[in-house]
């Protein structure tokens, strides 16, 4: 019996460490996930080219003058402003340099379109009871009173095309969204055409009746003007090499002027001259699409 107890005790002592080890929980090994690479962002540096389409709200501030060519003095003038509105479209090319969040660039663009408008001026005829008008004389008959009639001047202008060469300075508010301002040189061609019409009232002093002779003249000219432009825009990259933009641009092309010697007889008996002077400006809102020739 004693021997049996000893054997049982020995067996229990041998098995006890193994049972204790079996009861121990297997420790869980935690591993840290590998760090996610930081977003390198978008780099705006490099050459780009694109197309654009938009609308121009142009303006021509015009003054027309009626001048007696013999006296060399102005008889009448008419001033006003008229719209040169129309759709535009064109293309642009440029280069950007980016450092940190700041972007500096140089861009050139060329626009064509149909912006045009019209201006009408009038040199009034003789009012009631007065024989001579402001610009032209009437008939000086004894028994027939033929007052001078008005002179009309119609002017049409068109902004055929314009282009700019501008600097750009922007801030990348996010890696793919750029806010920028821009300004520089502007140039463009302004076409002007016009016509003058009147009725010359004639006759000999002291004679009854008179003659009424319709006369008219027309002209057209085109000139390339240089001025300045300034604006701002926002551009967003939607792919590695593609971006879209919305841009406002103000363009000032300075003044265009000209004159026309007409067959209308002025007060002195010499031809009447009509001259004009116009300051041409434009407000442009356009949407553009650019392709950049280098990736991020």
Protein backbone atom coordinates (compact mmCIF):
# COMPACT_ATOMS: atom_id res chain seq x y z
CA UNK A 1 0.00 0.00 0.00
CA UNK A 2 2.81 2.34 0.93
CA UNK A 3 4.62 1.46 -2.22
CA UNK A 4 1.53 2.23 -4.27
CA UNK A 5 1.18 5.69 -2.71
CA UNK A 6 4.79 6.49 -3.42
CA UNK A 7 4.40 5.55 -7.08
CA UNK A 8 1.26 7.64 -7.40
CA UNK A 9 2.96 10.64 -5.80
CA UNK A 10 5.93 10.35 -8.14
CA UNK A 11 3.70 10.21 -11.17
CA UNK A 12 1.77 13.27 -9.95
CA UNK A 13 4.96 15.24 -9.47
CA UNK A 14 6.13 14.41 -13.00
CA UNK A 15 2.85 15.43 -14.62
CA UNK A 16 2.27 18.63 -12.62
CA UNK A 17 4.68 20.98 -14.59
CA UNK A 18 3.24 19.85 -17.89
CA UNK A 19 -0.32 20.48 -16.80
CA UNK A 20 0.64 23.89 -15.43
CA UNK A 21 2.31 24.80 -18.71
CA UNK A 22 -0.74 23.63 -20.62
CA UNK A 23 -2.89 25.95 -18.53
CA UNK A 24 -0.79 29.00 -19.41
CA UNK A 25 -2.41 31.26 -22.13
CA UNK A 26 -0.53 31.53 -25.39
CA UNK A 27 0.60 35.16 -25.66
CA UNK A 28 -0.65 37.20 -28.72
CA UNK A 29 2.07 38.83 -30.78
CA UNK A 30 1.08 42.32 -32.10
CA UNK A 31 2.82 43.69 -35.19
CA UNK A 32 2.69 47.36 -36.28
CA UNK A 33 1.25 47.97 -39.75
CA UNK A 34 3.74 49.35 -42.26
CA UNK A 35 3.50 53.14 -42.61
CA UNK A 36 1.45 54.45 -45.55
CA UNK A 37 3.51 56.50 -47.96
CA UNK A 38 2.68 60.23 -47.85
CA UNK A 39 0.81 61.72 -50.86
CA UNK A 40 3.49 63.41 -52.98
CA UNK A 41 0.89 65.91 -54.24
CA UNK A 42 0.77 67.52 -57.66
CA UNK A 43 3.48 69.60 -59.26
CA UNK A 44 2.41 72.36 -61.66
CA UNK A 45 5.86 72.84 -63.19
CA UNK A 46 6.34 72.36 -66.92
CA UNK A 47 5.08 73.33 -70.36
CA UNK A 48 1.38 73.23 -71.12
CA UNK A 49 -0.98 74.06 -73.97
CA UNK A 50 -4.74 74.16 -74.27
CA UNK A 51 -7.93 75.59 -75.72
CA UNK A 52 -10.61 77.87 -74.36
CA UNK A 53 -14.10 79.17 -75.09
CA UNK A 54 -16.04 82.01 -73.54
CA UNK A 55 -17.81 85.32 -73.99
CA UNK A 56 -16.63 88.91 -74.20
CA UNK A 57 -18.49 91.97 -72.94
CA UNK A 58 -16.61 94.66 -74.87
CA UNK A 59 -17.14 98.40 -74.76
CA UNK A 60 -16.37 101.24 -77.14
CA UNK A 61 -16.52 104.76 -75.72
CA UNK A 62 -16.80 106.89 -78.86
CA UNK A 63 -16.93 110.58 -79.72
CA UNK A 64 -17.93 111.75 -83.21
CA UNK A 65 -17.14 115.29 -84.38
CA UNK A 66 -18.57 117.27 -87.32
CA UNK A 67 -16.00 119.77 -88.59
CA UNK A 68 -16.13 122.57 -91.18
CA UNK A 69 -13.04 121.82 -93.29
CA UNK A 70 -12.54 125.47 -94.28
CA UNK A 71 -12.97 127.01 -90.85
CA UNK A 72 -11.21 124.08 -89.14
CA UNK A 73 -13.59 124.27 -86.21
CA UNK A 74 -15.96 121.75 -84.73
CA UNK A 75 -19.61 122.41 -85.44
CA UNK A 76 -21.11 119.60 -83.39
CA UNK A 77 -20.10 116.51 -81.47
CA UNK A 78 -21.81 113.43 -80.17
CA UNK A 79 -20.47 111.07 -77.50
CA UNK A 80 -21.63 107.73 -76.23
CA UNK A 81 -20.65 104.17 -75.37
CA UNK A 82 -21.86 101.01 -77.05
CA UNK A 83 -21.33 97.29 -76.47
CA UNK A 84 -18.98 95.04 -78.40
CA UNK A 85 -20.39 91.72 -77.23
CA UNK A 86 -19.94 88.24 -78.63
CA UNK A 87 -18.61 84.70 -78.21
CA UNK A 88 -14.87 84.09 -78.31
CA UNK A 89 -12.59 81.09 -78.56
CA UNK A 90 -8.90 80.34 -78.91
CA UNK A 91 -5.87 78.70 -77.39
CA UNK A 92 -3.08 79.26 -74.90
CA UNK A 93 0.45 78.03 -74.23
CA UNK A 94 2.66 78.58 -71.22
CA UNK A 95 5.19 77.39 -68.66
CA UNK A 96 4.95 77.11 -64.86
CA UNK A 97 7.57 76.95 -62.12
CA UNK A 98 6.46 75.68 -58.70
CA UNK A 99 8.26 76.05 -55.40
CA UNK A 100 6.47 74.79 -52.34
CA UNK A 101 2.90 76.04 -52.69
CA UNK A 102 3.76 79.01 -54.95
CA UNK A 103 3.52 78.89 -58.74
CA UNK A 104 5.01 81.43 -61.17
CA UNK A 105 4.29 81.22 -64.88
CA UNK A 106 4.32 82.88 -68.28
CA UNK A 107 1.44 82.48 -70.72
CA UNK A 108 0.48 83.64 -74.23
CA UNK A 109 -2.97 83.27 -75.76
CA UNK A 110 -4.82 84.19 -78.96
CA UNK A 111 -8.58 84.75 -79.27
CA UNK A 112 -10.94 85.10 -82.22
CA UNK A 113 -14.61 85.95 -82.17
CA UNK A 114 -17.49 88.09 -83.31
CA UNK A 115 -17.61 90.99 -80.87
CA UNK A 116 -19.25 93.96 -82.60
CA UNK A 117 -21.49 96.96 -82.02
CA UNK A 118 -22.86 100.16 -83.55
CA UNK A 119 -22.96 103.87 -82.78
CA UNK A 120 -25.18 106.55 -84.38
CA UNK A 121 -24.51 110.29 -84.33
CA UNK A 122 -26.49 113.24 -85.68
CA UNK A 123 -25.73 116.84 -86.55
CA UNK A 124 -29.15 118.44 -86.33
CA UNK A 125 -30.79 120.44 -89.10
CA UNK A 126 -32.36 123.84 -88.73
CA UNK A 127 -35.01 124.19 -86.01
CA UNK A 128 -38.32 125.87 -86.74
CA UNK A 129 -37.92 129.45 -87.86
CA UNK A 130 -34.18 129.16 -88.58
CA UNK A 131 -32.80 128.72 -92.08
CA UNK A 132 -29.29 127.34 -91.47
CA UNK A 133 -28.59 124.14 -89.56
CA UNK A 134 -25.67 123.52 -87.23
CA UNK A 135 -23.57 121.83 -89.90
CA UNK A 136 -25.12 122.79 -93.24
CA UNK A 137 -26.84 125.86 -94.73
CA UNK A 138 -30.35 125.99 -96.15
CA UNK A 139 -31.69 127.73 -99.28
CA UNK A 140 -31.75 131.54 -99.19
CA UNK A 141 -34.66 132.18 -101.56
CA UNK A 142 -36.94 135.22 -101.34
CA UNK A 143 -40.26 133.48 -101.22
CA UNK A 144 -39.41 129.85 -100.43
CA UNK A 145 -37.88 128.89 -97.09
CA UNK A 146 -35.91 125.61 -97.31
CA UNK A 147 -34.20 124.86 -93.99
CA UNK A 148 -31.03 122.78 -93.74
CA UNK A 149 -31.54 119.06 -93.11
CA UNK A 150 -29.69 116.87 -90.56
CA UNK A 151 -26.46 114.98 -91.21
CA UNK A 152 -26.35 111.40 -89.93
CA UNK A 153 -23.25 109.36 -89.14
CA UNK A 154 -23.41 105.59 -88.51
CA UNK A 155 -20.35 103.78 -87.14
CA UNK A 156 -19.84 100.03 -86.70
CA UNK A 157 -16.87 98.52 -84.84
CA UNK A 158 -15.70 94.96 -84.46
CA UNK A 159 -13.01 93.38 -82.31
CA UNK A 160 -11.73 90.86 -84.86
CA UNK A 161 -9.20 89.16 -82.61
CA UNK A 162 -6.91 89.82 -79.67
CA UNK A 163 -4.07 88.16 -77.84
CA UNK A 164 -2.12 88.58 -74.62
CA UNK A 165 1.31 87.79 -73.20
CA UNK A 166 1.03 87.67 -69.41
CA UNK A 167 2.78 86.65 -66.24
CA UNK A 168 0.99 84.46 -63.70
CA UNK A 169 1.42 84.27 -59.93
CA UNK A 170 -0.54 81.65 -58.03
CA UNK A 171 -0.94 79.69 -54.82
CA UNK A 172 -1.73 75.98 -54.75
CA UNK A 173 -4.39 76.02 -52.01
CA UNK A 174 -4.43 72.23 -52.35
CA UNK A 175 -1.95 70.16 -54.38
CA UNK A 176 -4.38 70.08 -57.32
CA UNK A 177 -6.19 73.44 -57.02
CA UNK A 178 -4.43 76.63 -58.11
CA UNK A 179 -5.65 80.19 -57.50
CA UNK A 180 -3.79 82.81 -59.53
CA UNK A 181 -3.63 86.40 -60.71
CA UNK A 182 -2.33 87.43 -64.11
CA UNK A 183 -1.38 90.55 -66.08
CA UNK A 184 0.67 91.81 -69.00
CA UNK A 185 0.59 92.93 -72.64
CA UNK A 186 -2.54 92.87 -74.83
CA UNK A 187 -2.87 93.42 -78.57
CA UNK A 188 -5.77 93.19 -81.00
CA UNK A 189 -7.28 94.30 -84.28
CA UNK A 190 -10.23 96.69 -84.33
CA UNK A 191 -12.18 97.13 -87.56
CA UNK A 192 -14.23 100.29 -88.03
CA UNK A 193 -16.66 101.15 -90.79
CA UNK A 194 -19.07 104.02 -91.15
CA UNK A 195 -21.27 106.04 -93.44
CA UNK A 196 -22.43 109.64 -93.65
CA UNK A 197 -25.62 110.76 -95.36
CA UNK A 198 -27.31 114.13 -95.82
CA UNK A 199 -29.26 116.24 -98.29
CA UNK A 200 -27.53 119.33 -99.62
CA UNK A 201 -30.03 122.16 -99.96
CA UNK A 202 -28.99 124.58 -102.66
CA UNK A 203 -30.16 127.49 -104.77
CA UNK A 204 -29.18 131.05 -105.59
CA UNK A 205 -29.83 133.86 -103.13
CA UNK A 206 -32.76 135.92 -104.25
CA UNK A 207 -34.31 133.10 -106.29
CA UNK A 208 -37.38 131.12 -105.43
CA UNK A 209 -37.22 127.39 -104.79
CA UNK A 210 -34.08 125.35 -104.33
CA UNK A 211 -32.40 122.07 -105.02
CA UNK A 212 -32.26 119.01 -102.78
CA UNK A 213 -29.36 116.69 -103.54
CA UNK A 214 -28.92 113.47 -101.50
CA UNK A 215 -25.25 112.77 -100.78
CA UNK A 216 -23.50 109.95 -98.97
CA UNK A 217 -20.03 108.63 -98.21
CA UNK A 218 -18.62 105.58 -96.46
CA UNK A 219 -15.30 104.29 -95.17
CA UNK A 220 -13.72 101.27 -93.51
CA UNK A 221 -10.42 100.67 -91.78
CA UNK A 222 -8.64 98.18 -89.55
CA UNK A 223 -5.86 98.82 -87.08
CA UNK A 224 -3.85 96.70 -84.65
CA UNK A 225 -3.62 98.23 -81.20
CA UNK A 226 -1.47 97.46 -78.16
CA UNK A 227 -2.58 97.81 -74.56
CA UNK A 228 -2.66 95.84 -71.32
CA UNK A 229 -4.63 93.11 -69.61
CA UNK A 230 -5.17 91.81 -66.07
CA UNK A 231 -7.31 89.14 -64.47
CA UNK A 232 -7.59 86.14 -62.17
CA UNK A 233 -8.64 82.53 -62.29
CA UNK A 234 -8.87 79.12 -60.66
CA UNK A 235 -7.43 75.94 -62.17
CA UNK A 236 -7.89 72.36 -61.04
CA UNK A 237 -6.01 69.24 -62.09
CA UNK A 238 -8.35 66.27 -62.66
CA UNK A 239 -5.65 63.94 -64.01
CA UNK A 240 -1.85 63.79 -63.94
CA UNK A 241 -1.52 65.80 -67.15
CA UNK A 242 -4.93 67.46 -67.53
CA UNK A 243 -6.43 70.52 -65.84
CA UNK A 244 -9.46 72.77 -66.32
CA UNK A 245 -9.76 76.45 -65.53
CA UNK A 246 -12.21 79.31 -65.23
CA UNK A 247 -10.67 82.73 -65.90
CA UNK A 248 -11.69 86.39 -65.99
CA UNK A 249 -9.61 88.83 -68.06
CA UNK A 250 -9.87 92.60 -68.57
CA UNK A 251 -8.36 93.93 -71.81
CA UNK A 252 -7.70 97.60 -72.65
CA UNK A 253 -6.62 98.26 -76.25
CA UNK A 254 -6.45 102.05 -75.98
CA UNK A 255 -7.97 104.31 -78.63
CA UNK A 256 -8.65 104.08 -82.35
CA UNK A 257 -9.47 107.14 -84.45
CA UNK A 258 -10.08 108.28 -87.99
CA UNK A 259 -11.81 110.87 -90.17
CA UNK A 260 -13.78 111.14 -93.40
CA UNK A 261 -14.11 114.11 -95.76
CA UNK A 262 -17.70 114.01 -97.00
CA UNK A 263 -19.58 115.49 -99.96
CA UNK A 264 -21.84 117.29 -97.50
CA UNK A 265 -21.56 121.08 -97.86
CA UNK A 266 -20.78 122.79 -94.57
CA UNK A 267 -21.76 126.31 -93.52
CA UNK A 268 -18.70 127.85 -95.17
CA UNK A 269 -19.43 126.14 -98.47
CA UNK A 270 -16.52 123.71 -97.97
CA UNK A 271 -16.88 119.94 -97.41
CA UNK A 272 -17.94 118.68 -94.00
CA UNK A 273 -15.46 116.40 -92.20
CA UNK A 274 -16.58 113.73 -89.74
CA UNK A 275 -14.06 112.30 -87.30
CA UNK A 276 -14.30 109.69 -84.55
CA UNK A 277 -12.26 108.58 -81.56
CA UNK A 278 -12.98 105.36 -79.68
CA UNK A 279 -11.52 103.72 -76.58
CA UNK A 280 -11.94 99.94 -76.81
CA UNK A 281 -12.01 97.67 -73.75
CA UNK A 282 -13.16 94.12 -73.13
CA UNK A 283 -14.29 91.94 -70.21
CA UNK A 284 -13.76 88.25 -70.90
CA UNK A 285 -14.98 85.20 -69.01
CA UNK A 286 -13.69 81.92 -70.44
CA UNK A 287 -13.39 78.22 -69.66
CA UNK A 288 -10.15 76.48 -70.61
CA UNK A 289 -8.68 73.01 -70.81
CA UNK A 290 -4.89 72.44 -70.56
CA UNK A 291 -2.55 69.52 -71.16
CA UNK A 292 0.76 69.57 -69.29
CA UNK A 293 3.67 67.86 -71.02
CA UNK A 294 5.26 66.44 -67.84
CA UNK A 295 3.75 64.28 -65.12
CA UNK A 296 3.61 64.85 -61.39
